[in-house]
Amino acid sequence: MPQDRALSVQPWHGQVTRQEISLGIPLDSCTALSGPVVSAAAGAVIGDAEPFAFLVPRVRLRLESEERDPI
């Protein structure tokens, strides 16, 4: 799942780093948020799709693994 992975690019090292992470967020701790979103950048990515957001009071990120690949 996308929320379980982080990617970063280090062109100066000629590599991409993939970090597998564990967020461990229980769904019942998430609070749905609503309101208008006005963003040209978001509109360029999602078009006219309905945006969504949620609030999580606390997140403990755990690094599970890290791999490096050449660019």
N, C-alpha and C. Protein backbone atom coordinates (compact mmCIF):
# COMPACT_ATOMS: atom_id res chain seq x y z
N MET A 1 0.84 -1.18 0.00
CA MET A 1 0.00 0.00 0.00
C MET A 1 0.89 1.24 0.00
N PRO A 2 0.49 2.29 -0.73
CA PRO A 2 1.35 3.48 -0.85
C PRO A 2 1.72 4.13 0.47
N GLN A 3 0.85 4.11 1.47
CA GLN A 3 1.17 4.76 2.73
C GLN A 3 2.21 3.97 3.53
N ASP A 4 2.59 2.80 3.06
CA ASP A 4 3.60 1.99 3.75
C ASP A 4 4.97 2.10 3.11
N ARG A 5 5.16 3.09 2.25
CA ARG A 5 6.42 3.21 1.53
C ARG A 5 6.79 4.68 1.38
N ALA A 6 8.05 4.97 1.53
CA ALA A 6 8.56 6.31 1.28
C ALA A 6 9.67 6.19 0.24
N LEU A 7 9.74 7.15 -0.66
CA LEU A 7 10.76 7.17 -1.70
C LEU A 7 11.51 8.49 -1.65
N SER A 8 12.80 8.43 -1.88
CA SER A 8 13.58 9.65 -2.01
C SER A 8 14.65 9.43 -3.08
N VAL A 9 14.97 10.49 -3.79
CA VAL A 9 15.96 10.42 -4.87
C VAL A 9 17.17 11.24 -4.46
N GLN A 10 18.35 10.66 -4.60
CA GLN A 10 19.61 11.35 -4.33
C GLN A 10 20.43 11.35 -5.61
N PRO A 11 20.18 12.36 -6.50
CA PRO A 11 20.90 12.38 -7.78
C PRO A 11 22.41 12.51 -7.61
N TRP A 12 22.85 13.15 -6.55
CA TRP A 12 24.29 13.30 -6.30
C TRP A 12 24.96 11.97 -6.00
N HIS A 13 24.16 10.96 -5.55
CA HIS A 13 24.68 9.60 -5.34
C HIS A 13 24.25 8.67 -6.46
N GLY A 14 23.39 9.17 -7.38
CA GLY A 14 22.91 8.34 -8.48
C GLY A 14 22.02 7.21 -8.00
N GLN A 15 21.18 7.47 -6.98
CA GLN A 15 20.36 6.39 -6.44
C GLN A 15 18.98 6.87 -6.00
N VAL A 16 18.09 5.90 -5.90
CA VAL A 16 16.76 6.07 -5.33
C VAL A 16 16.73 5.21 -4.07
N THR A 17 16.23 5.75 -2.99
CA THR A 17 16.12 4.99 -1.75
C THR A 17 14.66 4.71 -1.47
N ARG A 18 14.34 3.44 -1.19
CA ARG A 18 12.99 3.02 -0.82
C ARG A 18 12.99 2.62 0.64
N GLN A 19 12.12 3.23 1.41
CA GLN A 19 11.98 2.86 2.81
C GLN A 19 10.60 2.22 3.00
N GLU A 20 10.58 1.01 3.52
CA GLU A 20 9.32 0.36 3.88
C GLU A 20 9.03 0.76 5.32
N ILE A 21 7.85 1.31 5.55
CA ILE A 21 7.51 1.83 6.87
C ILE A 21 6.23 1.20 7.38
N SER A 22 6.04 1.27 8.67
CA SER A 22 4.81 0.82 9.30
C SER A 22 4.25 1.98 10.08
N LEU A 23 3.02 2.39 9.75
CA LEU A 23 2.40 3.51 10.45
C LEU A 23 1.54 3.03 11.62
N GLY A 24 0.92 1.88 11.50
CA GLY A 24 0.13 1.32 12.59
C GLY A 24 -0.99 2.24 13.07
N ILE A 25 -1.71 2.84 12.13
CA ILE A 25 -2.80 3.75 12.50
C ILE A 25 -4.12 2.97 12.52
N PRO A 26 -4.74 2.82 13.68
CA PRO A 26 -6.06 2.17 13.71
C PRO A 26 -7.10 3.10 13.07
N LEU A 27 -7.97 2.55 12.24
CA LEU A 27 -8.95 3.38 11.55
C LEU A 27 -9.85 4.15 12.50
N ASP A 28 -10.14 3.59 13.67
CA ASP A 28 -11.03 4.29 14.60
C ASP A 28 -10.36 5.51 15.25
N SER A 29 -9.06 5.70 15.04
CA SER A 29 -8.40 6.89 15.57
C SER A 29 -8.39 8.05 14.56
N CYS A 30 -8.87 7.80 13.33
CA CYS A 30 -8.91 8.81 12.27
C CYS A 30 -10.21 9.60 12.35
N THR A 31 -10.09 10.92 12.23
CA THR A 31 -11.26 11.79 12.20
C THR A 31 -11.34 12.43 10.82
N ALA A 32 -12.47 12.23 10.15
CA ALA A 32 -12.65 12.81 8.81
C ALA A 32 -12.76 14.32 8.92
N LEU A 33 -12.14 15.02 7.98
CA LEU A 33 -12.21 16.48 7.91
C LEU A 33 -12.97 16.87 6.65
N SER A 34 -13.59 18.02 6.66
CA SER A 34 -14.28 18.49 5.47
C SER A 34 -14.11 20.00 5.35
N GLY A 35 -14.28 20.48 4.16
CA GLY A 35 -14.15 21.90 3.90
C GLY A 35 -13.73 22.12 2.47
N PRO A 36 -13.80 23.37 2.01
CA PRO A 36 -13.42 23.66 0.62
C PRO A 36 -11.91 23.55 0.41
N VAL A 37 -11.53 23.09 -0.76
CA VAL A 37 -10.12 23.04 -1.14
C VAL A 37 -9.97 23.85 -2.41
N VAL A 38 -9.12 24.86 -2.37
CA VAL A 38 -8.85 25.70 -3.54
C VAL A 38 -7.35 25.62 -3.79
N SER A 39 -6.98 24.87 -4.83
CA SER A 39 -5.57 24.67 -5.12
C SER A 39 -5.38 24.33 -6.59
N ALA A 40 -4.69 25.18 -7.32
CA ALA A 40 -4.39 24.90 -8.73
C ALA A 40 -3.50 23.66 -8.84
N ALA A 41 -2.55 23.49 -7.91
CA ALA A 41 -1.67 22.32 -7.94
C ALA A 41 -2.45 21.03 -7.73
N ALA A 42 -3.35 21.01 -6.75
CA ALA A 42 -4.18 19.81 -6.51
C ALA A 42 -5.09 19.55 -7.69
N GLY A 43 -5.68 20.61 -8.25
CA GLY A 43 -6.55 20.45 -9.41
C GLY A 43 -5.82 19.87 -10.60
N ALA A 44 -4.54 20.21 -10.77
CA ALA A 44 -3.76 19.66 -11.87
C ALA A 44 -3.53 18.17 -11.71
N VAL A 45 -3.50 17.70 -10.47
CA VAL A 45 -3.27 16.28 -10.20
C VAL A 45 -4.56 15.48 -10.22
N ILE A 46 -5.61 15.99 -9.55
CA ILE A 46 -6.83 15.19 -9.38
C ILE A 46 -8.00 15.65 -10.24
N GLY A 47 -7.85 16.75 -10.96
CA GLY A 47 -8.95 17.24 -11.79
C GLY A 47 -10.12 17.68 -10.93
N ASP A 48 -11.32 17.19 -11.25
CA ASP A 48 -12.49 17.59 -10.48
C ASP A 48 -12.89 16.54 -9.44
N ALA A 49 -11.99 15.61 -9.11
CA ALA A 49 -12.28 14.60 -8.09
C ALA A 49 -12.47 15.27 -6.73
N GLU A 50 -13.29 14.70 -5.90
CA GLU A 50 -13.57 15.24 -4.57
C GLU A 50 -12.38 14.96 -3.65
N PRO A 51 -11.75 16.00 -3.10
CA PRO A 51 -10.62 15.77 -2.18
C PRO A 51 -11.11 15.25 -0.82
N PHE A 52 -10.22 14.59 -0.10
CA PHE A 52 -10.56 14.15 1.25
C PHE A 52 -9.34 14.34 2.14
N ALA A 53 -9.60 14.46 3.42
CA ALA A 53 -8.51 14.60 4.39
C ALA A 53 -8.97 14.01 5.71
N PHE A 54 -8.01 13.65 6.53
CA PHE A 54 -8.34 13.14 7.86
C PHE A 54 -7.27 13.57 8.84
N LEU A 55 -7.66 13.57 10.09
CA LEU A 55 -6.77 13.95 11.18
C LEU A 55 -6.46 12.71 12.01
N VAL A 56 -5.20 12.54 12.32
CA VAL A 56 -4.76 11.47 13.22
C VAL A 56 -3.99 12.15 14.34
N PRO A 57 -4.44 11.99 15.59
CA PRO A 57 -3.80 12.72 16.68
C PRO A 57 -2.33 12.37 16.92
N ARG A 58 -1.96 11.14 16.66
CA ARG A 58 -0.57 10.73 16.91
C ARG A 58 -0.20 9.59 15.97
N VAL A 59 0.99 9.69 15.38
CA VAL A 59 1.48 8.64 14.48
C VAL A 59 2.88 8.26 14.93
N ARG A 60 3.11 6.98 15.06
CA ARG A 60 4.45 6.48 15.38
C ARG A 60 4.95 5.72 14.17
N LEU A 61 5.90 6.31 13.46
CA LEU A 61 6.44 5.71 12.26
C LEU A 61 7.55 4.74 12.63
N ARG A 62 7.50 3.57 12.04
CA ARG A 62 8.54 2.56 12.28
C ARG A 62 9.18 2.18 10.94
N LEU A 63 10.49 2.33 10.84
CA LEU A 63 11.22 1.95 9.64
C LEU A 63 11.42 0.44 9.65
N GLU A 64 10.86 -0.23 8.64
CA GLU A 64 10.96 -1.69 8.55
C GLU A 64 12.17 -2.12 7.73
N SER A 65 12.43 -1.41 6.62
CA SER A 65 13.59 -1.75 5.79
C SER A 65 13.94 -0.57 4.90
N GLU A 66 15.14 -0.62 4.34
CA GLU A 66 15.60 0.43 3.43
C GLU A 66 16.43 -0.22 2.34
N GLU A 67 16.09 0.09 1.07
CA GLU A 67 16.80 -0.46 -0.08
C GLU A 67 17.21 0.68 -0.99
N ARG A 68 18.33 0.52 -1.68
CA ARG A 68 18.81 1.54 -2.62
C ARG A 68 18.94 0.92 -4.01
N ASP A 69 18.50 1.69 -4.99
CA ASP A 69 18.56 1.27 -6.39
C ASP A 69 19.25 2.36 -7.20
N PRO A 70 20.00 1.99 -8.24
CA PRO A 70 20.61 3.00 -9.11
C PRO A 70 19.53 3.72 -9.90
N ILE A 71 19.81 4.98 -10.22
CA ILE A 71 18.86 5.75 -11.04
C ILE A 71 18.93 5.26 -12.46
